[in-house]
Amino acid sequence: MTDRLSDKTLGTLPAPIDDVPRYDRTAVTPGIVHLGVGAFHRAHQAAYVDDCLAAGELSWGIIGASLQSASTYDALAPQDGLYTLAGRGSDGERLRIIGSIQQMLVAPRDPAKLLDALTDPRVRIVTLTITEKAYLRNAAGGLDADHPGIQADLADPSKPQTVHGFLVEALARRRDAGTKPFTILSCDNLPSNGATLHRLLVQFAELRDSDLAKHVAGVACPSSMVDRIVPATTDADRQRVSTILGVEDAWPVMTEPFSQWVIEDNFPAGRPQWEKFGVEMVRDVRPFEEMKLRLLNGAHSSIAYLGLLAGHETVAKSFGDPRIHSFVQALWSEAKTTLPSDAGLDTQSYIAALTERFDNTALAHRTAQIANDGSQKLPQRIIGSAIDRLETGNSAEHLMLTVAAWIRAAELRGTELPTGHFTDPLDSKLADIARRGGSAVETVAAIFDLAGFAKGNVHRPDLEAMAAGHLDLLRIIGVEATLAQFEAGRTSH
């Protein structure tokens, strides 16, 4: 197979393809720059924008930029930005060709070209999926001003390395040129992600110039909640999709049929009519964020770490383990009580939908993929719920077993689990703690200090005690016996 998926070969695709761009791609102009063009963006935001382009909103094409790796560029540039989105459910697979990405850039290769895109007056929105660690926060949640990338961006603003450097320099140039600011829309799994990003950008701008900080403070940064499971694409996926297409697609994206996007409606420079295609435009996204973080993402972390310890490679296999399934149901019972009762959230329907999604055996969502960056994810997914439970005098045992399972999985890498099986920004220090071979109490205390879990909170000793007790069990009797004890404890009440 020598031909690649591209504008040239688009018209040759066979009938089994469910949908292809039916708009004139040459008539599309850029309206959005997306930072962090990974699989999730291509399965989620780019698909919604593709819907808008198909409806005639041709001024919202996407310029996609990778801030680190050139792998997505290398795959998509020869394909004119086209790729296959494969929606996989229990009733089969639906293949769709997405055409919303008009241009691909790689920031480290040519930062000036990305700055040119960000300062284009036609660009009115910048979206981000850069993951939690790229926000470069310190232990207190503020900007890590000592980070080498931040220091480099302050020393030479014309050659940014970080998202803060690119956005603030672009806003400064637009201000100087008399161009209105773009709206910045975070699509990462952070609580109040827009407000968090806004605060960090103002702090970064203040390090450059107080007048610039005032200008950045006036830029709209609405929060959003995103939800779609996107497992890593395998070589077998590439081969299968390319065979169906009759041309090579170097990087198709696998996903589930379900998709959700909730956005705070604050776009002074305009936006696509996303609501026509299922996006929920709201005044306050926080209740939806909390429900997703605590019920979906929290359960995902539990399924991942317990699944890794039990030898399950995918979410469906882990969730199909009766004891892990039972544990997750109990975890949901703990977590759902921490959500606001006056926000109109239907937690029962949401949990029913999650159960169906996690049971989707057609989607090979790897537990090791979900396990990445636990130190960054667990505070929002698990620790916050546990603190809220203790605040009301309730138990958080299931929530804290998830933390203990993360610690145990991390310390088993290189022995029972492969070295580098999953990664974390704190890996070198986590490895140091594991090498000490301390007691569960000592290990948990050291990791809480390292990760800043529940820092300054009155309930931290109780959280540490629960996690240490569970870590002891995992070390001594293993995950299956530990889960059996949890199940026995529930049935005895």
Protein backbone atom coordinates (compact mmCIF):
# COMPACT_ATOMS: atom_id res chain seq x y z
CA MET A 1 0.00 0.00 0.00
CA THR A 2 1.80 3.13 -1.25
CA ASP A 3 -0.87 5.84 -1.46
CA ARG A 4 -1.63 7.90 1.66
CA LEU A 5 -4.93 9.30 2.84
CA SER A 6 -4.97 12.88 1.50
CA ASP A 7 -7.10 15.43 -0.33
CA LYS A 8 -6.03 13.70 -3.55
CA THR A 9 -7.20 10.24 -2.47
CA LEU A 10 -10.27 11.35 -0.51
CA GLY A 11 -12.56 10.70 -3.46
CA THR A 12 -11.31 7.14 -3.90
CA LEU A 13 -12.39 5.81 -0.51
CA PRO A 14 -14.78 2.82 -0.55
CA ALA A 15 -18.43 2.79 0.44
CA PRO A 16 -17.96 1.35 3.99
CA ILE A 17 -16.62 4.75 5.15
CA ASP A 18 -19.46 6.36 7.06
CA ASP A 19 -18.58 10.01 6.52
CA VAL A 20 -15.99 12.16 4.75
CA PRO A 21 -15.59 15.96 4.54
CA ARG A 22 -18.18 17.16 2.05
CA TYR A 23 -17.21 20.82 2.31
CA ASP A 24 -14.59 22.58 0.19
CA ARG A 25 -11.45 22.35 2.31
CA THR A 26 -9.74 24.98 0.15
CA ALA A 27 -12.40 27.50 1.22
CA VAL A 28 -11.76 26.95 4.95
CA THR A 29 -9.87 29.70 6.79
CA PRO A 30 -8.21 29.42 10.20
CA GLY A 31 -10.19 30.49 13.25
CA ILE A 32 -8.72 28.21 15.92
CA VAL A 33 -5.17 27.35 16.96
CA HIS A 34 -4.97 24.17 19.00
CA LEU A 35 -1.99 23.53 21.25
CA GLY A 36 -1.28 19.88 21.96
CA VAL A 37 -2.54 17.92 18.96
CA GLY A 38 -2.80 14.46 20.46
CA ALA A 39 -5.30 11.67 20.00
CA PHE A 40 -7.84 13.19 22.37
CA HIS A 41 -8.09 16.49 20.51
CA ARG A 42 -8.50 14.64 17.23
CA ALA A 43 -11.25 12.43 18.66
CA HIS A 44 -13.07 15.26 20.40
CA GLN A 45 -12.72 18.99 19.63
CA ALA A 46 -11.58 18.48 16.03
CA ALA A 47 -14.64 16.29 15.37
CA TYR A 48 -17.02 18.93 16.72
CA VAL A 49 -15.32 21.60 14.60
CA ASP A 50 -15.59 19.30 11.59
CA ASP A 51 -19.36 19.22 12.17
CA CYS A 52 -19.42 23.03 12.15
CA LEU A 53 -17.40 23.21 8.92
CA ALA A 54 -19.80 20.75 7.30
CA ALA A 55 -22.66 23.05 8.32
CA GLY A 56 -21.06 25.94 6.43
CA GLU A 57 -19.08 27.69 9.19
CA LEU A 58 -15.93 27.73 7.09
CA SER A 59 -14.03 30.36 9.10
CA TRP A 60 -13.21 27.97 11.94
CA GLY A 61 -10.48 25.77 10.52
CA ILE A 62 -7.89 24.48 12.97
CA ILE A 63 -4.15 25.08 12.95
CA GLY A 64 -2.76 22.30 15.12
CA ALA A 65 0.52 22.72 16.99
CA SER A 66 2.58 20.16 18.87
CA LEU A 67 4.55 21.73 21.72
CA GLN A 68 7.01 18.85 22.03
CA SER A 69 6.97 15.79 19.78
CA ALA A 70 6.82 15.99 15.98
CA SER A 71 5.16 12.57 15.68
CA THR A 72 1.65 13.86 14.97
CA TYR A 73 3.01 16.33 12.41
CA ASP A 74 5.03 13.61 10.70
CA ALA A 75 1.92 11.42 10.46
CA LEU A 76 -0.63 14.03 9.38
CA ALA A 77 1.29 16.57 7.28
CA PRO A 78 1.65 14.14 4.32
CA GLN A 79 -2.09 13.48 4.68
CA ASP A 80 -3.12 17.16 4.42
CA GLY A 81 -4.24 16.92 8.05
CA LEU A 82 -6.81 14.21 7.26
CA TYR A 83 -7.22 11.15 9.51
CA THR A 84 -9.72 8.47 10.36
CA LEU A 85 -11.82 8.60 13.52
CA ALA A 86 -12.94 5.08 14.40
CA GLY A 87 -15.87 4.93 16.81
CA ARG A 88 -15.94 1.46 18.32
CA GLY A 89 -18.95 0.12 20.23
CA SER A 90 -20.52 -3.21 21.01
CA ASP A 91 -22.60 -2.89 17.82
CA GLY A 92 -19.60 -2.43 15.55
CA GLU A 93 -17.33 0.28 14.22
CA ARG A 94 -18.03 3.56 12.43
CA LEU A 95 -15.24 5.15 10.37
CA ARG A 96 -15.25 8.87 9.73
CA ILE A 97 -12.65 11.03 7.98
CA ILE A 98 -12.00 14.32 9.83
CA GLY A 99 -10.88 17.35 7.82
CA SER A 100 -10.95 20.21 10.30
CA ILE A 101 -7.16 20.38 10.84
CA GLN A 102 -5.93 22.59 8.03
CA GLN A 103 -2.28 22.94 9.02
CA MET A 104 0.17 21.28 11.40
CA LEU A 105 3.05 22.97 13.23
CA VAL A 106 5.78 21.78 15.59
CA ALA A 107 6.67 24.50 18.08
CA PRO A 108 10.28 23.48 18.86
CA ARG A 109 11.10 23.29 15.14
CA ASP A 110 9.84 26.79 14.36
CA PRO A 111 8.45 28.83 17.27
CA ALA A 112 8.18 31.90 15.02
CA LYS A 113 5.72 30.12 12.75
CA LEU A 114 3.48 29.24 15.71
CA LEU A 115 3.64 32.85 16.93
CA ASP A 116 2.62 33.98 13.45
CA ALA A 117 -0.42 31.68 13.62
CA LEU A 118 -1.35 32.93 17.09
CA THR A 119 -1.15 36.55 15.98
CA ASP A 120 -3.22 36.03 12.80
CA PRO A 121 -6.26 38.32 13.22
CA ARG A 122 -8.49 35.57 11.80
CA VAL A 123 -7.67 33.37 14.80
CA ARG A 124 -10.22 34.07 17.52
CA ILE A 125 -9.90 30.99 19.74
CA VAL A 126 -6.94 29.06 21.10
CA THR A 127 -7.78 25.64 22.51
CA LEU A 128 -5.49 23.44 24.60
CA THR A 129 -5.04 19.79 25.49
CA ILE A 130 -1.57 19.88 27.04
CA THR A 131 -2.22 17.64 30.13
CA GLU A 132 -1.90 18.69 33.74
CA LYS A 133 1.88 18.69 33.97
CA ALA A 134 2.34 21.24 31.16
CA TYR A 135 0.58 23.90 33.25
CA LEU A 136 3.84 24.07 35.23
CA ARG A 137 2.35 24.61 38.67
CA ASN A 138 4.29 24.54 41.91
CA ALA A 139 3.18 22.67 45.02
CA ALA A 140 0.99 25.61 46.06
CA GLY A 141 -0.82 25.62 42.72
CA GLY A 142 0.80 28.79 41.40
CA LEU A 143 3.19 29.19 38.50
CA ASP A 144 6.50 27.37 38.91
CA ALA A 145 8.60 30.45 38.16
CA ASP A 146 11.83 28.46 38.61
CA HIS A 147 11.00 25.97 35.88
CA PRO A 148 13.73 26.04 33.20
CA GLY A 149 11.18 26.58 30.44
CA ILE A 150 9.64 29.56 32.24
CA GLN A 151 13.07 31.04 32.85
CA ALA A 152 13.99 30.60 29.17
CA ASP A 153 10.75 32.26 28.05
CA LEU A 154 11.41 35.24 30.31
CA ALA A 155 14.96 35.54 29.00
CA ASP A 156 13.92 35.41 25.32
CA PRO A 157 10.16 35.95 24.74
CA SER A 158 10.64 35.69 20.96
CA LYS A 159 11.47 31.97 21.19
CA PRO A 160 8.96 30.49 23.62
CA GLN A 161 9.22 26.96 24.96
CA THR A 162 6.15 26.75 27.21
CA VAL A 163 2.46 27.30 26.62
CA HIS A 164 2.67 30.34 28.93
CA GLY A 165 5.42 31.84 26.83
CA PHE A 166 3.61 31.32 23.54
CA LEU A 167 0.24 32.63 24.72
CA VAL A 168 1.54 35.70 26.55
CA GLU A 169 3.94 36.68 23.76
CA ALA A 170 1.16 36.29 21.19
CA LEU A 171 -1.21 38.40 23.29
CA ALA A 172 1.49 41.06 23.65
CA ARG A 173 2.05 41.16 19.90
CA ARG A 174 -1.69 41.31 19.17
CA ARG A 175 -2.04 44.18 21.64
CA ASP A 176 0.82 46.07 20.02
CA ALA A 177 -0.70 45.50 16.56
CA GLY A 178 -4.16 46.63 17.67
CA THR A 179 -5.60 43.12 17.25
CA LYS A 180 -8.22 41.93 19.71
CA PRO A 181 -7.20 39.08 22.06
CA PHE A 182 -8.22 35.56 21.24
CA THR A 183 -10.28 33.55 23.71
CA ILE A 184 -8.32 30.73 25.38
CA LEU A 185 -10.28 27.52 25.94
CA SER A 186 -8.69 24.82 28.08
CA CYS A 187 -9.87 21.27 27.38
CA ASP A 188 -7.75 19.50 29.99
CA ASN A 189 -8.89 17.47 32.99
CA LEU A 190 -8.30 20.17 35.58
CA PRO A 191 -10.96 21.59 37.88
CA SER A 192 -11.81 25.13 36.78
CA ASN A 193 -9.28 24.67 34.01
CA GLY A 194 -9.97 28.06 32.43
CA ALA A 195 -9.63 29.95 35.71
CA THR A 196 -6.48 27.97 36.52
CA LEU A 197 -4.89 28.79 33.18
CA HIS A 198 -5.92 32.44 33.45
CA ARG A 199 -4.27 32.76 36.86
CA LEU A 200 -1.04 31.16 35.65
CA LEU A 201 -0.88 33.34 32.54
CA VAL A 202 -1.35 36.53 34.58
CA GLN A 203 1.39 35.39 36.97
CA PHE A 204 3.72 34.73 34.04
CA ALA A 205 2.89 38.06 32.40
CA GLU A 206 3.57 39.85 35.70
CA LEU A 207 7.10 38.47 35.60
CA ARG A 208 7.54 40.19 32.26
CA ASP A 209 5.68 43.47 32.71
CA SER A 210 2.88 44.75 34.96
CA ASP A 211 1.05 46.48 32.09
CA LEU A 212 1.14 43.26 30.11
CA ALA A 213 -0.26 41.42 33.12
CA LYS A 214 -3.19 43.84 33.23
CA HIS A 215 -3.84 43.19 29.55
CA VAL A 216 -3.70 39.41 30.01
CA ALA A 217 -6.03 39.69 33.00
CA GLY A 218 -8.72 40.94 30.61
CA VAL A 219 -8.48 37.91 28.29
CA ALA A 220 -11.40 35.46 28.37
CA CYS A 221 -10.46 31.95 29.54
CA PRO A 222 -13.70 29.97 29.82
CA SER A 223 -13.57 26.58 31.51
CA SER A 224 -14.77 23.42 29.82
CA MET A 225 -15.41 19.79 30.67
CA VAL A 226 -14.50 17.15 28.11
CA ASP A 227 -15.33 13.47 28.12
CA ARG A 228 -14.50 10.78 25.61
CA ILE A 229 -12.43 7.64 26.02
CA VAL A 230 -9.56 7.56 23.53
CA PRO A 231 -7.25 4.54 23.81
CA ALA A 232 -3.83 4.53 22.21
CA THR A 233 -3.77 3.52 18.54
CA THR A 234 -1.99 0.22 17.91
CA ASP A 235 -0.17 -0.98 14.81
CA ALA A 236 -3.00 -3.46 14.32
CA ASP A 237 -5.47 -0.54 14.32
CA ARG A 238 -3.42 1.24 11.67
CA GLN A 239 -3.26 -1.84 9.48
CA ARG A 240 -6.96 -2.62 9.82
CA VAL A 241 -8.13 0.93 9.08
CA SER A 242 -5.71 1.35 6.17
CA THR A 243 -6.92 -1.94 4.66
CA ILE A 244 -10.53 -0.75 4.81
CA LEU A 245 -9.65 2.64 3.31
CA GLY A 246 -7.50 1.20 0.55
CA VAL A 247 -4.90 3.87 1.34
CA GLU A 248 -2.54 4.26 4.28
CA ASP A 249 -3.61 6.28 7.31
CA ALA A 250 -0.49 6.69 9.44
CA TRP A 251 -2.38 7.65 12.58
CA PRO A 252 -6.09 6.88 12.85
CA VAL A 253 -7.73 7.54 16.21
CA MET A 254 -9.79 4.99 18.15
CA THR A 255 -12.64 6.17 20.35
CA GLU A 256 -15.99 5.22 21.88
CA PRO A 257 -19.39 6.34 20.53
CA PHE A 258 -20.00 8.52 23.62
CA SER A 259 -18.79 12.13 23.58
CA GLN A 260 -19.51 15.08 25.88
CA TRP A 261 -18.34 18.69 25.92
CA VAL A 262 -19.61 21.30 28.38
CA ILE A 263 -18.32 24.87 27.90
CA GLU A 264 -18.78 28.14 29.74
CA ASP A 265 -20.22 30.49 27.14
CA ASN A 266 -17.75 33.40 27.26
CA PHE A 267 -16.31 34.13 23.80
CA PRO A 268 -15.93 37.88 23.19
CA ALA A 269 -14.31 37.28 19.78
CA GLY A 270 -16.99 34.84 18.61
CA ARG A 271 -17.21 31.05 18.42
CA PRO A 272 -18.60 28.23 16.26
CA GLN A 273 -22.19 27.16 16.86
CA TRP A 274 -21.10 24.07 18.74
CA GLU A 275 -24.46 23.72 20.48
CA LYS A 276 -25.98 22.52 17.20
CA PHE A 277 -23.91 19.38 17.51
CA GLY A 278 -24.46 18.42 21.13
CA VAL A 279 -22.09 20.73 23.00
CA GLU A 280 -23.63 22.07 26.22
CA MET A 281 -23.01 25.82 26.53
CA VAL A 282 -23.52 26.79 30.19
CA ARG A 283 -22.90 29.61 32.65
CA ASP A 284 -20.99 27.49 35.14
CA VAL A 285 -19.17 24.31 34.20
CA ARG A 286 -17.96 23.43 37.70
CA PRO A 287 -20.69 20.94 38.70
CA PHE A 288 -20.18 19.03 35.45
CA GLU A 289 -16.40 19.06 35.97
CA GLU A 290 -16.73 17.68 39.46
CA MET A 291 -19.09 14.91 38.37
CA LYS A 292 -16.74 13.85 35.58
CA LEU A 293 -13.55 14.10 37.63
CA ARG A 294 -14.91 12.28 40.65
CA LEU A 295 -17.08 9.65 38.99
CA LEU A 296 -15.49 8.92 35.61
CA ASN A 297 -11.85 9.89 36.14
CA GLY A 298 -11.77 8.70 39.74
CA ALA A 299 -13.16 5.32 38.71
CA HIS A 300 -10.72 5.20 35.79
CA SER A 301 -7.78 5.63 38.16
CA SER A 302 -9.13 2.89 40.42
CA ILE A 303 -9.68 0.54 37.49
CA ALA A 304 -6.19 1.30 36.17
CA TYR A 305 -4.14 0.80 39.34
CA LEU A 306 -6.13 -2.14 40.70
CA GLY A 307 -6.17 -3.62 37.20
CA LEU A 308 -2.39 -3.31 36.86
CA LEU A 309 -1.90 -5.04 40.20
CA ALA A 310 -4.31 -7.80 39.14
CA GLY A 311 -2.68 -8.27 35.72
CA HIS A 312 -5.48 -6.77 33.61
CA GLU A 313 -4.27 -4.93 30.50
CA THR A 314 -7.47 -3.08 29.54
CA VAL A 315 -10.30 -1.22 31.23
CA ALA A 316 -12.90 -3.72 30.04
CA LYS A 317 -10.93 -6.68 31.45
CA SER A 318 -10.29 -4.87 34.73
CA PHE A 319 -13.88 -3.69 35.12
CA GLY A 320 -15.02 -7.19 34.15
CA ASP A 321 -13.20 -8.57 37.19
CA PRO A 322 -16.12 -9.08 39.63
CA ARG A 323 -14.20 -7.78 42.64
CA ILE A 324 -12.94 -4.66 40.87
CA HIS A 325 -16.43 -4.10 39.45
CA SER A 326 -17.92 -4.35 42.93
CA PHE A 327 -15.22 -2.07 44.32
CA VAL A 328 -15.89 0.63 41.71
CA GLN A 329 -19.61 0.56 42.47
CA ALA A 330 -18.77 1.20 46.14
CA LEU A 331 -16.32 3.93 45.14
CA TRP A 332 -19.09 5.66 43.20
CA SER A 333 -21.32 5.44 46.28
CA GLU A 334 -18.66 7.32 48.24
CA ALA A 335 -17.82 9.88 45.58
CA LYS A 336 -21.32 10.83 44.41
CA THR A 337 -22.26 12.15 47.86
CA THR A 338 -19.57 14.84 47.50
CA LEU A 339 -21.23 16.41 44.44
CA PRO A 340 -23.53 19.46 44.71
CA SER A 341 -27.15 18.45 45.18
CA ASP A 342 -28.60 21.67 43.76
CA ALA A 343 -26.90 21.68 40.32
CA GLY A 344 -29.34 19.41 38.52
CA LEU A 345 -26.83 16.56 38.15
CA ASP A 346 -28.31 13.13 37.40
CA THR A 347 -25.62 10.97 38.99
CA GLN A 348 -27.55 7.72 38.66
CA SER A 349 -27.95 8.08 34.90
CA TYR A 350 -24.33 9.16 34.61
CA ILE A 351 -23.11 6.11 36.55
CA ALA A 352 -25.31 3.84 34.40
CA ALA A 353 -23.71 5.34 31.28
CA LEU A 354 -20.23 4.88 32.77
CA THR A 355 -20.97 1.23 33.51
CA GLU A 356 -21.92 0.65 29.87
CA ARG A 357 -18.83 2.54 28.65
CA PHE A 358 -16.41 0.65 30.88
CA ASP A 359 -17.95 -2.64 29.71
CA ASN A 360 -17.20 -1.79 26.05
CA THR A 361 -14.94 -4.70 25.05
CA ALA A 362 -14.47 -3.26 21.55
CA LEU A 363 -12.34 -0.44 23.00
CA ALA A 364 -8.90 -1.63 24.11
CA HIS A 365 -8.24 1.20 26.56
CA ARG A 366 -5.02 0.16 28.28
CA THR A 367 -4.79 0.43 32.06
CA ALA A 368 -1.12 1.48 31.75
CA GLN A 369 -2.17 4.46 29.62
CA ILE A 370 -4.64 5.68 32.24
CA ALA A 371 -2.08 5.11 35.00
CA ASN A 372 0.26 7.87 33.76
CA ASP A 373 0.77 11.03 35.85
CA GLY A 374 -0.99 9.80 38.99
CA SER A 375 0.63 12.42 41.22
CA GLN A 376 -0.98 15.12 39.08
CA LYS A 377 -4.37 13.46 38.61
CA LEU A 378 -5.22 11.95 41.99
CA PRO A 379 -5.67 15.26 43.88
CA GLN A 380 -8.63 16.19 41.65
CA ARG A 381 -9.97 12.69 41.07
CA ILE A 382 -9.63 11.13 44.51
CA ILE A 383 -8.11 13.27 47.28
CA GLY A 384 -10.69 16.06 46.94
CA SER A 385 -13.57 13.59 47.25
CA ALA A 386 -11.93 11.93 50.25
CA ILE A 387 -11.50 15.25 52.06
CA ASP A 388 -15.14 16.15 51.40
CA ARG A 389 -16.24 12.78 52.76
CA LEU A 390 -14.28 13.28 55.97
CA GLU A 391 -15.63 16.83 56.30
CA THR A 392 -19.12 15.34 56.62
CA GLY A 393 -18.06 12.55 58.97
CA ASN A 394 -18.20 9.81 56.36
CA SER A 395 -15.74 7.10 55.38
CA ALA A 396 -13.31 7.41 52.45
CA GLU A 397 -11.81 3.92 52.58
CA HIS A 398 -12.50 3.03 48.94
CA LEU A 399 -11.16 6.34 47.70
CA MET A 400 -7.95 5.90 49.65
CA LEU A 401 -7.42 2.35 48.44
CA THR A 402 -7.06 3.93 44.99
CA VAL A 403 -4.18 6.07 46.30
CA ALA A 404 -2.58 3.03 47.93
CA ALA A 405 -2.95 1.06 44.69
CA TRP A 406 -1.15 3.84 42.78
CA ILE A 407 1.70 3.79 45.30
CA ARG A 408 1.94 0.00 45.16
CA ALA A 409 1.86 -0.10 41.35
CA ALA A 410 4.55 2.59 41.20
CA GLU A 411 6.88 0.73 43.57
CA LEU A 412 6.43 -2.56 41.70
CA ARG A 413 7.73 -1.15 38.40
CA GLY A 414 10.95 -2.92 37.56
CA THR A 415 9.96 -6.07 39.45
CA GLU A 416 6.41 -7.41 39.05
CA LEU A 417 5.54 -4.66 36.56
CA PRO A 418 7.78 -3.59 33.66
CA THR A 419 10.11 -0.66 34.17
CA GLY A 420 8.45 2.43 32.72
CA HIS A 421 5.12 0.59 32.40
CA PHE A 422 3.53 3.94 33.23
CA THR A 423 5.18 7.26 34.01
CA ASP A 424 4.85 10.17 36.40
CA PRO A 425 6.51 13.61 36.59
CA LEU A 426 7.82 12.61 40.04
CA ASP A 427 9.23 9.27 38.92
CA SER A 428 12.85 9.79 40.00
CA LYS A 429 11.82 10.76 43.54
CA LEU A 430 9.15 8.06 43.68
CA ALA A 431 11.86 5.56 42.78
CA ASP A 432 14.05 6.91 45.58
CA ILE A 433 11.24 6.37 48.07
CA ALA A 434 10.64 2.84 46.80
CA ARG A 435 14.35 1.98 47.12
CA ARG A 436 14.31 2.96 50.80
CA GLY A 437 11.97 0.05 51.49
CA GLY A 438 10.25 1.91 54.30
CA SER A 439 7.14 0.84 56.15
CA ALA A 440 3.76 1.65 54.66
CA VAL A 441 3.40 4.57 57.10
CA GLU A 442 6.81 5.97 56.16
CA THR A 443 6.23 5.47 52.43
CA VAL A 444 2.82 7.12 52.41
CA ALA A 445 4.03 10.09 54.47
CA ALA A 446 6.97 10.62 52.12
CA ILE A 447 4.77 10.45 49.02
CA PHE A 448 2.14 12.78 50.49
CA ASP A 449 4.95 15.26 51.19
CA LEU A 450 6.41 14.81 47.71
CA ALA A 451 3.13 15.14 45.81
CA GLY A 452 1.59 17.76 48.11
CA PHE A 453 -1.51 15.64 48.73
CA ALA A 454 -3.92 17.40 51.14
CA LYS A 455 -1.20 19.88 52.06
CA GLY A 456 -2.23 21.96 55.07
CA ASN A 457 -5.55 20.12 55.41
CA VAL A 458 -6.68 19.06 58.86
CA HIS A 459 -7.71 15.64 57.52
CA ARG A 460 -4.32 14.77 56.06
CA PRO A 461 -3.30 12.48 58.97
CA ASP A 462 -6.51 10.48 58.56
CA LEU A 463 -5.98 10.18 54.80
CA GLU A 464 -2.39 9.04 55.33
CA ALA A 465 -3.49 6.48 57.92
CA MET A 466 -6.10 4.99 55.57
CA ALA A 467 -3.68 4.87 52.63
CA ALA A 468 -0.95 3.30 54.78
CA GLY A 469 -3.30 0.63 56.09
CA HIS A 470 -4.37 -0.26 52.56
CA LEU A 471 -0.78 -0.23 51.28
CA ASP A 472 0.13 -2.68 54.04
CA LEU A 473 -2.61 -5.03 52.83
CA LEU A 474 -1.56 -4.75 49.20
CA ARG A 475 2.04 -5.51 50.14
CA ILE A 476 1.27 -8.44 52.42
CA ILE A 477 -1.76 -10.22 50.93
CA GLY A 478 -1.99 -8.77 47.41
CA VAL A 479 -4.74 -7.06 45.48
CA GLU A 480 -7.21 -9.93 45.18
CA ALA A 481 -7.28 -10.68 48.90
CA THR A 482 -7.44 -6.97 49.70
CA LEU A 483 -10.47 -6.52 47.44
CA ALA A 484 -12.02 -9.62 49.01
CA GLN A 485 -11.66 -8.00 52.45
CA PHE A 486 -13.32 -4.83 51.17
CA GLU A 487 -16.19 -6.83 49.72
CA ALA A 488 -16.58 -8.83 52.93
CA GLY A 489 -16.67 -5.60 54.92
CA ARG A 490 -19.53 -4.27 52.80
CA THR A 491 -21.62 -7.43 52.97
CA SER A 492 -21.24 -7.69 56.75
CA HIS A 493 -23.01 -4.37 57.34
